[in-house]
Amino acid sequence: QVQLVESGGGLVQPGGSLRLSCAASGRTRVVYAMGWFRQAPGKEREFVAAISWNYDTMYADSVKGRFTISRDNGKNTVYLQMNSLKPEDTAVYYCAARPGGVRREETDFDAWGQGTQVTVSS
């Protein structure tokens, strides 16, 4: 199993930027795809972005052109650069991992972090 720890959340004004990080430990020799999901108050958790071991990426339509997912395999870390943030991006952001290629369904991921709060407000 792999353990995931997110960091980088916080309060930002609309139009601002944040970069989230997710550090993986444990069975990191297994080839994992990594993903970001988010859950806003009163809503279900939704897919944000995912990246494969060899850098194939996938994004939700709501974040395309504003968010960028990347990874540093040497550091076992995945990042989510969030630009042009909107109030509707406010949510708890979760990092997730799965063996194999990228997917967008929550049920395809078998390791999860504890989440980090992102609040976009003036």
PDB file of N, CA and C in Angstrom:
ATOM      1  N   GLN A   1       0.852  -1.200   0.000  1.00  0.00           N
ATOM      2  CA  GLN A   1       0.000   0.000   0.000  1.00  0.00           C
ATOM      3  C   GLN A   1       0.880   1.240   0.000  1.00  0.00           C
ATOM      4  N   VAL A   2       0.350   2.310  -0.528  1.00  0.00           N
ATOM      5  CA  VAL A   2       1.057   3.575  -0.558  1.00  0.00           C
ATOM      6  C   VAL A   2       0.319   4.560   0.345  1.00  0.00           C
ATOM      7  N   GLN A   3       1.082   5.398   1.047  1.00  0.00           N
ATOM      8  CA  GLN A   3       0.503   6.427   1.905  1.00  0.00           C
ATOM      9  C   GLN A   3       0.690   7.788   1.227  1.00  0.00           C
ATOM     10  N   LEU A   4      -0.327   8.639   1.356  1.00  0.00           N
ATOM     11  CA  LEU A   4      -0.336   9.936   0.678  1.00  0.00           C
ATOM     12  C   LEU A   4      -0.579  11.053   1.681  1.00  0.00           C
ATOM     13  N   VAL A   5       0.186  12.140   1.554  1.00  0.00           N
ATOM     14  CA  VAL A   5       0.017  13.301   2.424  1.00  0.00           C
ATOM     15  C   VAL A   5      -0.021  14.553   1.558  1.00  0.00           C
ATOM     16  N   GLU A   6      -1.149  15.276   1.633  1.00  0.00           N
ATOM     17  CA  GLU A   6      -1.311  16.514   0.865  1.00  0.00           C
ATOM     18  C   GLU A   6      -0.836  17.717   1.679  1.00  0.00           C
ATOM     19  N   SER A   7      -0.455  18.761   0.963  1.00  0.00           N
ATOM     20  CA  SER A   7      -0.117  20.035   1.588  1.00  0.00           C
ATOM     21  C   SER A   7      -0.340  21.148   0.566  1.00  0.00           C
ATOM     22  N   GLY A   8      -0.355  22.388   1.072  1.00  0.00           N
ATOM     23  CA  GLY A   8      -0.421  23.536   0.182  1.00  0.00           C
ATOM     24  C   GLY A   8      -1.761  24.235   0.101  1.00  0.00           C
ATOM     25  N   GLY A   9      -2.767  23.723   0.790  1.00  0.00           N
ATOM     26  CA  GLY A   9      -4.059  24.388   0.764  1.00  0.00           C
ATOM     27  C   GLY A   9      -4.035  25.689   1.546  1.00  0.00           C
ATOM     28  N   GLY A  10      -5.125  26.450   1.432  1.00  0.00           N
ATOM     29  CA  GLY A  10      -5.215  27.707   2.164  1.00  0.00           C
ATOM     30  C   GLY A  10      -6.307  28.591   1.623  1.00  0.00           C
ATOM     31  N   LEU A  11      -6.263  29.848   2.042  1.00  0.00           N
ATOM     32  CA  LEU A  11      -7.235  30.850   1.629  1.00  0.00           C
ATOM     33  C   LEU A  11      -6.608  31.723   0.545  1.00  0.00           C
ATOM     34  N   VAL A  12      -7.320  31.911  -0.552  1.00  0.00           N
ATOM     35  CA  VAL A  12      -6.815  32.733  -1.654  1.00  0.00           C
ATOM     36  C   VAL A  12      -7.965  33.538  -2.235  1.00  0.00           C
ATOM     37  N   GLN A  13      -7.659  34.703  -2.759  1.00  0.00           N
ATOM     38  CA  GLN A  13      -8.685  35.543  -3.362  1.00  0.00           C
ATOM     39  C   GLN A  13      -9.037  35.036  -4.764  1.00  0.00           C
ATOM     40  N   PRO A  14     -10.236  35.335  -5.235  1.00  0.00           N
ATOM     41  CA  PRO A  14     -10.582  34.968  -6.615  1.00  0.00           C
ATOM     42  C   PRO A  14      -9.562  35.521  -7.598  1.00  0.00           C
ATOM     43  N   GLY A  15      -9.208  34.690  -8.568  1.00  0.00           N
ATOM     44  CA  GLY A  15      -8.180  35.062  -9.525  1.00  0.00           C
ATOM     45  C   GLY A  15      -6.774  34.698  -9.107  1.00  0.00           C
ATOM     46  N   GLY A  16      -6.606  34.277  -7.875  1.00  0.00           N
ATOM     47  CA  GLY A  16      -5.296  33.927  -7.365  1.00  0.00           C
ATOM     48  C   GLY A  16      -4.874  32.513  -7.710  1.00  0.00           C
ATOM     49  N   SER A  17      -3.726  32.125  -7.162  1.00  0.00           N
ATOM     50  CA  SER A  17      -3.139  30.810  -7.462  1.00  0.00           C
ATOM     51  C   SER A  17      -2.718  30.101  -6.183  1.00  0.00           C
ATOM     52  N   LEU A  18      -2.715  28.788  -6.265  1.00  0.00           N
ATOM     53  CA  LEU A  18      -2.187  27.927  -5.211  1.00  0.00           C
ATOM     54  C   LEU A  18      -1.555  26.719  -5.863  1.00  0.00           C
ATOM     55  N   ARG A  19      -0.574  26.131  -5.199  1.00  0.00           N
ATOM     56  CA  ARG A  19      -0.015  24.862  -5.655  1.00  0.00           C
ATOM     57  C   ARG A  19      -0.135  23.837  -4.533  1.00  0.00           C
ATOM     58  N   LEU A  20      -0.833  22.761  -4.829  1.00  0.00           N
ATOM     59  CA  LEU A  20      -0.956  21.655  -3.894  1.00  0.00           C
ATOM     60  C   LEU A  20       0.133  20.618  -4.181  1.00  0.00           C
ATOM     61  N   SER A  21       0.578  19.971  -3.126  1.00  0.00           N
ATOM     62  CA  SER A  21       1.548  18.887  -3.255  1.00  0.00           C
ATOM     63  C   SER A  21       1.003  17.640  -2.586  1.00  0.00           C
ATOM     64  N   CYS A  22       1.431  16.492  -3.086  1.00  0.00           N
ATOM     65  CA  CYS A  22       1.051  15.215  -2.487  1.00  0.00           C
ATOM     66  C   CYS A  22       2.276  14.319  -2.491  1.00  0.00           C
ATOM     67  N   ALA A  23       2.754  13.991  -1.314  1.00  0.00           N
ATOM     68  CA  ALA A  23       3.934  13.142  -1.170  1.00  0.00           C
ATOM     69  C   ALA A  23       3.504  11.707  -0.906  1.00  0.00           C
ATOM     70  N   ALA A  24       4.081  10.792  -1.662  1.00  0.00           N
ATOM     71  CA  ALA A  24       3.768   9.370  -1.513  1.00  0.00           C
ATOM     72  C   ALA A  24       4.903   8.646  -0.800  1.00  0.00           C
ATOM     73  N   SER A  25       4.536   7.687   0.041  1.00  0.00           N
ATOM     74  CA  SER A  25       5.519   6.845   0.710  1.00  0.00           C
ATOM     75  C   SER A  25       4.964   5.426   0.760  1.00  0.00           C
ATOM     76  N   GLY A  26       5.823   4.498   1.136  1.00  0.00           N
ATOM     77  CA  GLY A  26       5.396   3.105   1.178  1.00  0.00           C
ATOM     78  C   GLY A  26       5.812   2.378  -0.080  1.00  0.00           C
ATOM     79  N   ARG A  27       4.866   1.709  -0.731  1.00  0.00           N
ATOM     80  CA  ARG A  27       5.163   0.890  -1.905  1.00  0.00           C
ATOM     81  C   ARG A  27       5.289   1.732  -3.160  1.00  0.00           C
ATOM     82  N   THR A  28       6.215   2.675  -3.141  1.00  0.00           N
ATOM     83  CA  THR A  28       6.336   3.597  -4.268  1.00  0.00           C
ATOM     84  C   THR A  28       7.058   2.979  -5.459  1.00  0.00           C
ATOM     85  N   ARG A  29       7.604   1.756  -5.301  1.00  0.00           N
ATOM     86  CA  ARG A  29       8.223   1.094  -6.444  1.00  0.00           C
ATOM     87  C   ARG A  29       7.172   0.609  -7.428  1.00  0.00           C
ATOM     88  N   VAL A  30       5.941   0.464  -6.956  1.00  0.00           N
ATOM     89  CA  VAL A  30       4.844   0.103  -7.857  1.00  0.00           C
ATOM     90  C   VAL A  30       4.529   1.315  -8.725  1.00  0.00           C
ATOM     91  N   VAL A  31       4.256   1.072  -9.990  1.00  0.00           N
ATOM     92  CA  VAL A  31       3.932   2.176 -10.898  1.00  0.00           C
ATOM     93  C   VAL A  31       2.513   2.641 -10.626  1.00  0.00           C
ATOM     94  N   TYR A  32       2.390   3.879 -10.191  1.00  0.00           N
ATOM     95  CA  TYR A  32       1.083   4.414  -9.833  1.00  0.00           C
ATOM     96  C   TYR A  32       0.691   5.583 -10.723  1.00  0.00           C
ATOM     97  N   ALA A  33      -0.570   5.628 -11.056  1.00  0.00           N
ATOM     98  CA  ALA A  33      -1.163   6.868 -11.552  1.00  0.00           C
ATOM     99  C   ALA A  33      -1.651   7.643 -10.330  1.00  0.00           C
ATOM    100  N   MET A  34      -1.582   8.955 -10.417  1.00  0.00           N
ATOM    101  CA  MET A  34      -1.977   9.805  -9.304  1.00  0.00           C
ATOM    102  C   MET A  34      -3.108  10.721  -9.752  1.00  0.00           C
ATOM    103  N   GLY A  35      -3.993  11.002  -8.821  1.00  0.00           N
ATOM    104  CA  GLY A  35      -5.117  11.861  -9.164  1.00  0.00           C
ATOM    105  C   GLY A  35      -5.437  12.850  -8.064  1.00  0.00           C
ATOM    106  N   TRP A  36      -6.145  13.880  -8.441  1.00  0.00           N
ATOM    107  CA  TRP A  36      -6.695  14.847  -7.491  1.00  0.00           C
ATOM    108  C   TRP A  36      -8.213  14.849  -7.636  1.00  0.00           C
ATOM    109  N   PHE A  37      -8.879  14.810  -6.504  1.00  0.00           N
ATOM    110  CA  PHE A  37     -10.324  14.928  -6.430  1.00  0.00           C
ATOM    111  C   PHE A  37     -10.637  16.052  -5.455  1.00  0.00           C
ATOM    112  N   ARG A  38     -11.877  16.510  -5.468  1.00  0.00           N
ATOM    113  CA  ARG A  38     -12.275  17.542  -4.514  1.00  0.00           C
ATOM    114  C   ARG A  38     -13.713  17.332  -4.084  1.00  0.00           C
ATOM    115  N   GLN A  39     -14.004  17.823  -2.877  1.00  0.00           N
ATOM    116  CA  GLN A  39     -15.360  17.725  -2.349  1.00  0.00           C
ATOM    117  C   GLN A  39     -15.736  19.050  -1.712  1.00  0.00           C
ATOM    118  N   ALA A  40     -16.736  19.687  -2.286  1.00  0.00           N
ATOM    119  CA  ALA A  40     -17.257  20.935  -1.753  1.00  0.00           C
ATOM    120  C   ALA A  40     -18.341  20.622  -0.728  1.00  0.00           C
ATOM    121  N   PRO A  41     -18.629  21.559   0.177  1.00  0.00           N
ATOM    122  CA  PRO A  41     -19.661  21.320   1.189  1.00  0.00           C
ATOM    123  C   PRO A  41     -20.999  20.958   0.562  1.00  0.00           C
ATOM    124  N   GLY A  42     -21.579  19.876   1.025  1.00  0.00           N
ATOM    125  CA  GLY A  42     -22.886  19.469   0.545  1.00  0.00           C
ATOM    126  C   GLY A  42     -22.888  18.801  -0.816  1.00  0.00           C
ATOM    127  N   LYS A  43     -21.700  18.555  -1.370  1.00  0.00           N
ATOM    128  CA  LYS A  43     -21.612  17.932  -2.702  1.00  0.00           C
ATOM    129  C   LYS A  43     -20.804  16.644  -2.635  1.00  0.00           C
ATOM    130  N   GLU A  44     -20.944  15.841  -3.674  1.00  0.00           N
ATOM    131  CA  GLU A  44     -20.169  14.617  -3.757  1.00  0.00           C
ATOM    132  C   GLU A  44     -18.745  14.928  -4.210  1.00  0.00           C
ATOM    133  N   ARG A  45     -17.840  14.013  -3.881  1.00  0.00           N
ATOM    134  CA  ARG A  45     -16.461  14.177  -4.315  1.00  0.00           C
ATOM    135  C   ARG A  45     -16.397  14.029  -5.835  1.00  0.00           C
ATOM    136  N   GLU A  46     -15.600  14.894  -6.482  1.00  0.00           N
ATOM    137  CA  GLU A  46     -15.529  14.877  -7.931  1.00  0.00           C
ATOM    138  C   GLU A  46     -14.083  14.857  -8.401  1.00  0.00           C
ATOM    139  N   PHE A  47     -13.903  14.310  -9.602  1.00  0.00           N
ATOM    140  CA  PHE A  47     -12.596  14.233 -10.228  1.00  0.00           C
ATOM    141  C   PHE A  47     -12.111  15.609 -10.646  1.00  0.00           C
ATOM    142  N   VAL A  48     -10.802  15.859 -10.461  1.00  0.00           N
ATOM    143  CA  VAL A  48     -10.194  17.112 -10.891  1.00  0.00           C
ATOM    144  C   VAL A  48      -9.165  16.858 -12.000  1.00  0.00           C
ATOM    145  N   ALA A  49      -8.184  16.010 -11.724  1.00  0.00           N
ATOM    146  CA  ALA A  49      -7.115  15.753 -12.689  1.00  0.00           C
ATOM    147  C   ALA A  49      -6.400  14.465 -12.303  1.00  0.00           C
ATOM    148  N   ALA A  50      -5.716  13.868 -13.281  1.00  0.00           N
ATOM    149  CA  ALA A  50      -4.926  12.665 -13.024  1.00  0.00           C
ATOM    150  C   ALA A  50      -3.725  12.639 -13.952  1.00  0.00           C
ATOM    151  N   ILE A  51      -2.674  11.932 -13.519  1.00  0.00           N
ATOM    152  CA  ILE A  51      -1.450  11.829 -14.306  1.00  0.00           C
ATOM    153  C   ILE A  51      -0.880  10.426 -14.153  1.00  0.00           C
ATOM    154  N   SER A  52      -0.435   9.848 -15.253  1.00  0.00           N
ATOM    155  CA  SER A  52       0.146   8.518 -15.219  1.00  0.00           C
ATOM    156  C   SER A  52       1.632   8.588 -14.865  1.00  0.00           C
ATOM    157  N   TRP A  53       2.227   7.398 -14.667  1.00  0.00           N
ATOM    158  CA  TRP A  53       3.650   7.337 -14.357  1.00  0.00           C
ATOM    159  C   TRP A  53       4.477   7.998 -15.458  1.00  0.00           C
ATOM    160  N   ASN A  54       4.033   7.833 -16.718  1.00  0.00           N
ATOM    161  CA  ASN A  54       4.788   8.414 -17.843  1.00  0.00           C
ATOM    162  C   ASN A  54       4.133   9.685 -18.371  1.00  0.00           C
ATOM    163  N   TYR A  55       3.425  10.401 -17.488  1.00  0.00           N
ATOM    164  CA  TYR A  55       3.019  11.795 -17.698  1.00  0.00           C
ATOM    165  C   TYR A  55       1.814  12.010 -18.616  1.00  0.00           C
ATOM    166  N   ASP A  56       1.065  10.971 -18.931  1.00  0.00           N
ATOM    167  CA  ASP A  56      -0.235  11.208 -19.559  1.00  0.00           C
ATOM    168  C   ASP A  56      -1.145  11.897 -18.553  1.00  0.00           C
ATOM    169  N   THR A  57      -1.928  12.872 -19.019  1.00  0.00           N
ATOM    170  CA  THR A  57      -2.780  13.627 -18.105  1.00  0.00           C
ATOM    171  C   THR A  57      -4.240  13.610 -18.543  1.00  0.00           C
ATOM    172  N   MET A  58      -5.099  13.897 -17.583  1.00  0.00           N
ATOM    173  CA  MET A  58      -6.538  13.953 -17.802  1.00  0.00           C
ATOM    174  C   MET A  58      -7.088  15.020 -16.864  1.00  0.00           C
ATOM    175  N   TYR A  59      -8.044  15.828 -17.337  1.00  0.00           N
ATOM    176  CA  TYR A  59      -8.605  16.913 -16.543  1.00  0.00           C
ATOM    177  C   TYR A  59     -10.133  16.921 -16.615  1.00  0.00           C
ATOM    178  N   ALA A  60     -10.735  17.401 -15.549  1.00  0.00           N
ATOM    179  CA  ALA A  60     -12.158  17.717 -15.591  1.00  0.00           C
ATOM    180  C   ALA A  60     -12.353  18.962 -16.445  1.00  0.00           C
ATOM    181  N   ASP A  61     -13.474  19.018 -17.139  1.00  0.00           N
ATOM    182  CA  ASP A  61     -13.733  20.179 -18.007  1.00  0.00           C
ATOM    183  C   ASP A  61     -13.730  21.485 -17.219  1.00  0.00           C
ATOM    184  N   SER A  62     -14.155  21.430 -15.970  1.00  0.00           N
ATOM    185  CA  SER A  62     -14.284  22.646 -15.166  1.00  0.00           C
ATOM    186  C   SER A  62     -12.940  23.279 -14.808  1.00  0.00           C
ATOM    187  N   VAL A  63     -11.848  22.533 -14.955  1.00  0.00           N
ATOM    188  CA  VAL A  63     -10.534  23.072 -14.569  1.00  0.00           C
ATOM    189  C   VAL A  63      -9.556  23.157 -15.738  1.00  0.00           C
ATOM    190  N   LYS A  64      -9.947  22.656 -16.902  1.00  0.00           N
ATOM    191  CA  LYS A  64      -9.049  22.693 -18.069  1.00  0.00           C
ATOM    192  C   LYS A  64      -8.636  24.120 -18.371  1.00  0.00           C
ATOM    193  N   GLY A  65      -7.340  24.311 -18.607  1.00  0.00           N
ATOM    194  CA  GLY A  65      -6.820  25.625 -18.915  1.00  0.00           C
ATOM    195  C   GLY A  65      -6.478  26.461 -17.697  1.00  0.00           C
ATOM    196  N   ARG A  66      -6.913  26.017 -16.518  1.00  0.00           N
ATOM    197  CA  ARG A  66      -6.619  26.753 -15.280  1.00  0.00           C
ATOM    198  C   ARG A  66      -5.722  25.939 -14.332  1.00  0.00           C
ATOM    199  N   PHE A  67      -5.916  24.642 -14.296  1.00  0.00           N
ATOM    200  CA  PHE A  67      -5.152  23.769 -13.399  1.00  0.00           C
ATOM    201  C   PHE A  67      -4.178  22.939 -14.213  1.00  0.00           C
ATOM    202  N   THR A  68      -3.026  22.650 -13.606  1.00  0.00           N
ATOM    203  CA  THR A  68      -2.027  21.782 -14.240  1.00  0.00           C
ATOM    204  C   THR A  68      -1.542  20.753 -13.231  1.00  0.00           C
ATOM    205  N   ILE A  69      -1.629  19.487 -13.609  1.00  0.00           N
ATOM    206  CA  ILE A  69      -1.108  18.415 -12.761  1.00  0.00           C
ATOM    207  C   ILE A  69       0.267  18.023 -13.275  1.00  0.00           C
ATOM    208  N   SER A  70       1.174  17.757 -12.358  1.00  0.00           N
ATOM    209  CA  SER A  70       2.526  17.327 -12.728  1.00  0.00           C
ATOM    210  C   SER A  70       3.043  16.386 -11.642  1.00  0.00           C
ATOM    211  N   ARG A  71       4.161  15.734 -11.929  1.00  0.00           N
ATOM    212  CA  ARG A  71       4.726  14.831 -10.939  1.00  0.00           C
ATOM    213  C   ARG A  71       6.236  14.803 -11.060  1.00  0.00           C
ATOM    214  N   ASP A  72       6.868  14.532  -9.926  1.00  0.00           N
ATOM    215  CA  ASP A  72       8.310  14.328  -9.865  1.00  0.00           C
ATOM    216  C   ASP A  72       8.513  12.912  -9.344  1.00  0.00           C
ATOM    217  N   ASN A  73       8.792  11.981 -10.237  1.00  0.00           N
ATOM    218  CA  ASN A  73       8.892  10.582  -9.836  1.00  0.00           C
ATOM    219  C   ASN A  73      10.073  10.345  -8.905  1.00  0.00           C
ATOM    220  N   GLY A  74      11.126  11.144  -9.042  1.00  0.00           N
ATOM    221  CA  GLY A  74      12.278  10.996  -8.154  1.00  0.00           C
ATOM    222  C   GLY A  74      11.941  11.349  -6.707  1.00  0.00           C
ATOM    223  N   LYS A  75      10.996  12.269  -6.545  1.00  0.00           N
ATOM    224  CA  LYS A  75      10.575  12.700  -5.203  1.00  0.00           C
ATOM    225  C   LYS A  75       9.266  12.046  -4.767  1.00  0.00           C
ATOM    226  N   ASN A  76       8.710  11.181  -5.610  1.00  0.00           N
ATOM    227  CA  ASN A  76       7.423  10.528  -5.302  1.00  0.00           C
ATOM    228  C   ASN A  76       6.362  11.567  -4.924  1.00  0.00           C
ATOM    229  N   THR A  77       6.299  12.637  -5.685  1.00  0.00           N
ATOM    230  CA  THR A  77       5.406  13.740  -5.366  1.00  0.00           C
ATOM    231  C   THR A  77       4.630  14.154  -6.610  1.00  0.00           C
ATOM    232  N   VAL A  78       3.357  14.453  -6.411  1.00  0.00           N
ATOM    233  CA  VAL A  78       2.518  14.988  -7.479  1.00  0.00           C
ATOM    234  C   VAL A  78       2.038  16.371  -7.058  1.00  0.00           C
ATOM    235  N   TYR A  79       1.874  17.237  -8.032  1.00  0.00           N
ATOM    236  CA  TYR A  79       1.507  18.623  -7.778  1.00  0.00           C
ATOM    237  C   TYR A  79       0.232  18.982  -8.536  1.00  0.00           C
ATOM    238  N   LEU A  80      -0.479  19.963  -8.006  1.00  0.00           N
ATOM    239  CA  LEU A  80      -1.615  20.534  -8.716  1.00  0.00           C
ATOM    240  C   LEU A  80      -1.472  22.052  -8.654  1.00  0.00           C
ATOM    241  N   GLN A  81      -1.070  22.642  -9.768  1.00  0.00           N
ATOM    242  CA  GLN A  81      -0.972  24.095  -9.875  1.00  0.00           C
ATOM    243  C   GLN A  81      -2.335  24.629 -10.267  1.00  0.00           C
ATOM    244  N   MET A  82      -2.890  25.477  -9.421  1.00  0.00           N
ATOM    245  CA  MET A  82      -4.233  26.008  -9.642  1.00  0.00           C
ATOM    246  C   MET A  82      -4.145  27.504  -9.865  1.00  0.00           C
ATOM    247  N   ASN A  83      -4.510  27.954 -11.052  1.00  0.00           N
ATOM    248  CA  ASN A  83      -4.502  29.381 -11.402  1.00  0.00           C
ATOM    249  C   ASN A  83      -5.918  29.866 -11.670  1.00  0.00           C
ATOM    250  N   SER A  84      -6.086  31.173 -11.687  1.00  0.00           N
ATOM    251  CA  SER A  84      -7.400  31.789 -11.964  1.00  0.00           C
ATOM    252  C   SER A  84      -8.486  31.149 -11.116  1.00  0.00           C
ATOM    253  N   LEU A  85      -8.216  31.031  -9.826  1.00  0.00           N
ATOM    254  CA  LEU A  85      -9.151  30.345  -8.940  1.00  0.00           C
ATOM    255  C   LEU A  85     -10.462  31.106  -8.817  1.00  0.00           C
ATOM    256  N   LYS A  86     -11.538  30.333  -8.673  1.00  0.00           N
ATOM    257  CA  LYS A  86     -12.887  30.871  -8.558  1.00  0.00           C
ATOM    258  C   LYS A  86     -13.490  30.415  -7.228  1.00  0.00           C
ATOM    259  N   PRO A  87     -14.477  31.129  -6.727  1.00  0.00           N
ATOM    260  CA  PRO A  87     -15.125  30.687  -5.480  1.00  0.00           C
ATOM    261  C   PRO A  87     -15.650  29.251  -5.569  1.00  0.00           C
ATOM    262  N   GLU A  88     -16.095  28.838  -6.744  1.00  0.00           N
ATOM    263  CA  GLU A  88     -16.611  27.468  -6.892  1.00  0.00           C
ATOM    264  C   GLU A  88     -15.516  26.404  -6.848  1.00  0.00           C
ATOM    265  N   ASP A  89     -14.257  26.805  -6.790  1.00  0.00           N
ATOM    266  CA  ASP A  89     -13.164  25.849  -6.596  1.00  0.00           C
ATOM    267  C   ASP A  89     -12.964  25.530  -5.114  1.00  0.00           C
ATOM    268  N   THR A  90     -13.679  26.223  -4.246  1.00  0.00           N
ATOM    269  CA  THR A  90     -13.579  25.977  -2.811  1.00  0.00           C
ATOM    270  C   THR A  90     -14.000  24.549  -2.497  1.00  0.00           C
ATOM    271  N   ALA A  91     -13.115  23.812  -1.828  1.00  0.00           N
ATOM    272  CA  ALA A  91     -13.385  22.398  -1.539  1.00  0.00           C
ATOM    273  C   ALA A  91     -12.223  21.839  -0.724  1.00  0.00           C
ATOM    274  N   VAL A  92     -12.426  20.649  -0.217  1.00  0.00           N
ATOM    275  CA  VAL A  92     -11.311  19.856   0.300  1.00  0.00           C
ATOM    276  C   VAL A  92     -10.754  19.069  -0.872  1.00  0.00           C
ATOM    277  N   TYR A  93      -9.456  19.190  -1.086  1.00  0.00           N
ATOM    278  CA  TYR A  93      -8.808  18.516  -2.214  1.00  0.00           C
ATOM    279  C   TYR A  93      -8.076  17.274  -1.706  1.00  0.00           C
ATOM    280  N   TYR A  94      -8.331  16.160  -2.384  1.00  0.00           N
ATOM    281  CA  TYR A  94      -7.760  14.877  -2.003  1.00  0.00           C
ATOM    282  C   TYR A  94      -6.836  14.360  -3.095  1.00  0.00           C
ATOM    283  N   CYS A  95      -5.731  13.804  -2.669  1.00  0.00           N
ATOM    284  CA  CYS A  95      -4.813  13.105  -3.547  1.00  0.00           C
ATOM    285  C   CYS A  95      -5.159  11.610  -3.505  1.00  0.00           C
ATOM    286  N   ALA A  96      -5.004  10.950  -4.639  1.00  0.00           N
ATOM    287  CA  ALA A  96      -5.318   9.529  -4.709  1.00  0.00           C
ATOM    288  C   ALA A  96      -4.334   8.823  -5.636  1.00  0.00           C
ATOM    289  N   ALA A  97      -4.202   7.517  -5.454  1.00  0.00           N
ATOM    290  CA  ALA A  97      -3.269   6.738  -6.264  1.00  0.00           C
ATOM    291  C   ALA A  97      -3.896   5.422  -6.673  1.00  0.00           C
ATOM    292  N   ARG A  98      -3.484   4.927  -7.829  1.00  0.00           N
ATOM    293  CA  ARG A  98      -3.938   3.625  -8.300  1.00  0.00           C
ATOM    294  C   ARG A  98      -2.835   3.003  -9.143  1.00  0.00           C
ATOM    295  N   PRO A  99      -2.697   1.678  -9.093  1.00  0.00           N
ATOM    296  CA  PRO A  99      -1.732   1.030  -9.993  1.00  0.00           C
ATOM    297  C   PRO A  99      -2.209   1.158 -11.425  1.00  0.00           C
ATOM    298  N   GLY A 100      -1.282   1.382 -12.348  1.00  0.00           N
ATOM    299  CA  GLY A 100      -1.652   1.414 -13.758  1.00  0.00           C
ATOM    300  C   GLY A 100      -1.907   2.805 -14.290  1.00  0.00           C
ATOM    301  N   GLY A 101      -2.775   2.910 -15.269  1.00  0.00           N
ATOM    302  CA  GLY A 101      -2.978   4.149 -16.004  1.00  0.00           C
ATOM    303  C   GLY A 101      -3.983   5.093 -15.382  1.00  0.00           C
ATOM    304  N   VAL A 102      -4.169   6.240 -16.037  1.00  0.00           N
ATOM    305  CA  VAL A 102      -5.057   7.263 -15.511  1.00  0.00           C
ATOM    306  C   VAL A 102      -6.517   6.833 -15.643  1.00  0.00           C
ATOM    307  N   ARG A 103      -7.303   7.233 -14.643  1.00  0.00           N
ATOM    308  CA  ARG A 103      -8.733   7.031 -14.616  1.00  0.00           C
ATOM    309  C   ARG A 103      -9.354   8.268 -13.997  1.00  0.00           C
ATOM    310  N   ARG A 104     -10.663   8.440 -14.184  1.00  0.00           N
ATOM    311  CA  ARG A 104     -11.340   9.575 -13.558  1.00  0.00           C
ATOM    312  C   ARG A 104     -12.398   9.156 -12.550  1.00  0.00           C
ATOM    313  N   GLU A 105     -12.626   7.858 -12.393  1.00  0.00           N
ATOM    314  CA  GLU A 105     -13.622   7.401 -11.436  1.00  0.00           C
ATOM    315  C   GLU A 105     -13.000   7.203 -10.063  1.00  0.00           C
ATOM    316  N   GLU A 106     -13.685   7.726  -9.065  1.00  0.00           N
ATOM    317  CA  GLU A 106     -13.209   7.622  -7.676  1.00  0.00           C
ATOM    318  C   GLU A 106     -12.967   6.172  -7.276  1.00  0.00           C
ATOM    319  N   THR A 107     -13.840   5.282  -7.722  1.00  0.00           N
ATOM    320  CA  THR A 107     -13.756   3.877  -7.322  1.00  0.00           C
ATOM    321  C   THR A 107     -12.553   3.159  -7.927  1.00  0.00           C
ATOM    322  N   ASP A 108     -11.884   3.768  -8.895  1.00  0.00           N
ATOM    323  CA  ASP A 108     -10.696   3.159  -9.502  1.00  0.00           C
ATOM    324  C   ASP A 108      -9.430   3.421  -8.682  1.00  0.00           C
ATOM    325  N   PHE A 109      -9.518   4.281  -7.679  1.00  0.00           N
ATOM    326  CA  PHE A 109      -8.354   4.640  -6.872  1.00  0.00           C
ATOM    327  C   PHE A 109      -8.436   3.922  -5.533  1.00  0.00           C
ATOM    328  N   ASP A 110      -7.310   3.361  -5.081  1.00  0.00           N
ATOM    329  CA  ASP A 110      -7.369   2.564  -3.861  1.00  0.00           C
ATOM    330  C   ASP A 110      -6.531   3.107  -2.721  1.00  0.00           C
ATOM    331  N   ALA A 111      -5.890   4.256  -2.899  1.00  0.00           N
ATOM    332  CA  ALA A 111      -5.163   4.905  -1.809  1.00  0.00           C
ATOM    333  C   ALA A 111      -5.525   6.378  -1.813  1.00  0.00           C
ATOM    334  N   TRP A 112      -5.769   6.919  -0.628  1.00  0.00           N
ATOM    335  CA  TRP A 112      -6.237   8.305  -0.499  1.00  0.00           C
ATOM    336  C   TRP A 112      -5.503   9.030   0.605  1.00  0.00           C
ATOM    337  N   GLY A 113      -5.276  10.336   0.389  1.00  0.00           N
ATOM    338  CA  GLY A 113      -4.773  11.185   1.441  1.00  0.00           C
ATOM    339  C   GLY A 113      -5.903  11.701   2.306  1.00  0.00           C
ATOM    340  N   GLN A 114      -5.544  12.498   3.317  1.00  0.00           N
ATOM    341  CA  GLN A 114      -6.534  13.029   4.263  1.00  0.00           C
ATOM    342  C   GLN A 114      -7.222  14.280   3.747  1.00  0.00           C
ATOM    343  N   GLY A 115      -6.649  14.913   2.744  1.00  0.00           N
ATOM    344  CA  GLY A 115      -7.272  16.100   2.164  1.00  0.00           C
ATOM    345  C   GLY A 115      -6.670  17.390   2.694  1.00  0.00           C
ATOM    346  N   THR A 116      -6.768  18.431   1.871  1.00  0.00           N
ATOM    347  CA  THR A 116      -6.324  19.763   2.252  1.00  0.00           C
ATOM    348  C   THR A 116      -7.360  20.772   1.790  1.00  0.00           C
ATOM    349  N   GLN A 117      -7.682  21.718   2.655  1.00  0.00           N
ATOM    350  CA  GLN A 117      -8.753  22.674   2.377  1.00  0.00           C
ATOM    351  C   GLN A 117      -8.250  23.801   1.480  1.00  0.00           C
ATOM    352  N   VAL A 118      -9.012  24.081   0.444  1.00  0.00           N
ATOM    353  CA  VAL A 118      -8.779  25.243  -0.413  1.00  0.00           C
ATOM    354  C   VAL A 118     -10.019  26.114  -0.345  1.00  0.00           C
ATOM    355  N   THR A 119      -9.832  27.368   0.030  1.00  0.00           N
ATOM    356  CA  THR A 119     -10.938  28.311   0.114  1.00  0.00           C
ATOM    357  C   THR A 119     -10.634  29.512  -0.766  1.00  0.00           C
ATOM    358  N   VAL A 120     -11.544  29.795  -1.688  1.00  0.00           N
ATOM    359  CA  VAL A 120     -11.382  30.929  -2.606  1.00  0.00           C
ATOM    360  C   VAL A 120     -12.448  31.950  -2.239  1.00  0.00           C
ATOM    361  N   SER A 121     -12.008  33.062  -1.680  1.00  0.00           N
ATOM    362  CA  SER A 121     -12.953  34.056  -1.181  1.00  0.00           C
ATOM    363  C   SER A 121     -12.259  35.401  -1.062  1.00  0.00           C
ATOM    364  N   SER A 122     -13.044  36.449  -1.279  1.00  0.00           N
ATOM    365  CA  SER A 122     -12.504  37.797  -1.087  1.00  0.00           C
ATOM    366  C   SER A 122     -12.800  38.294   0.320  1.00  0.00           C
TER     367      SER A 122
END
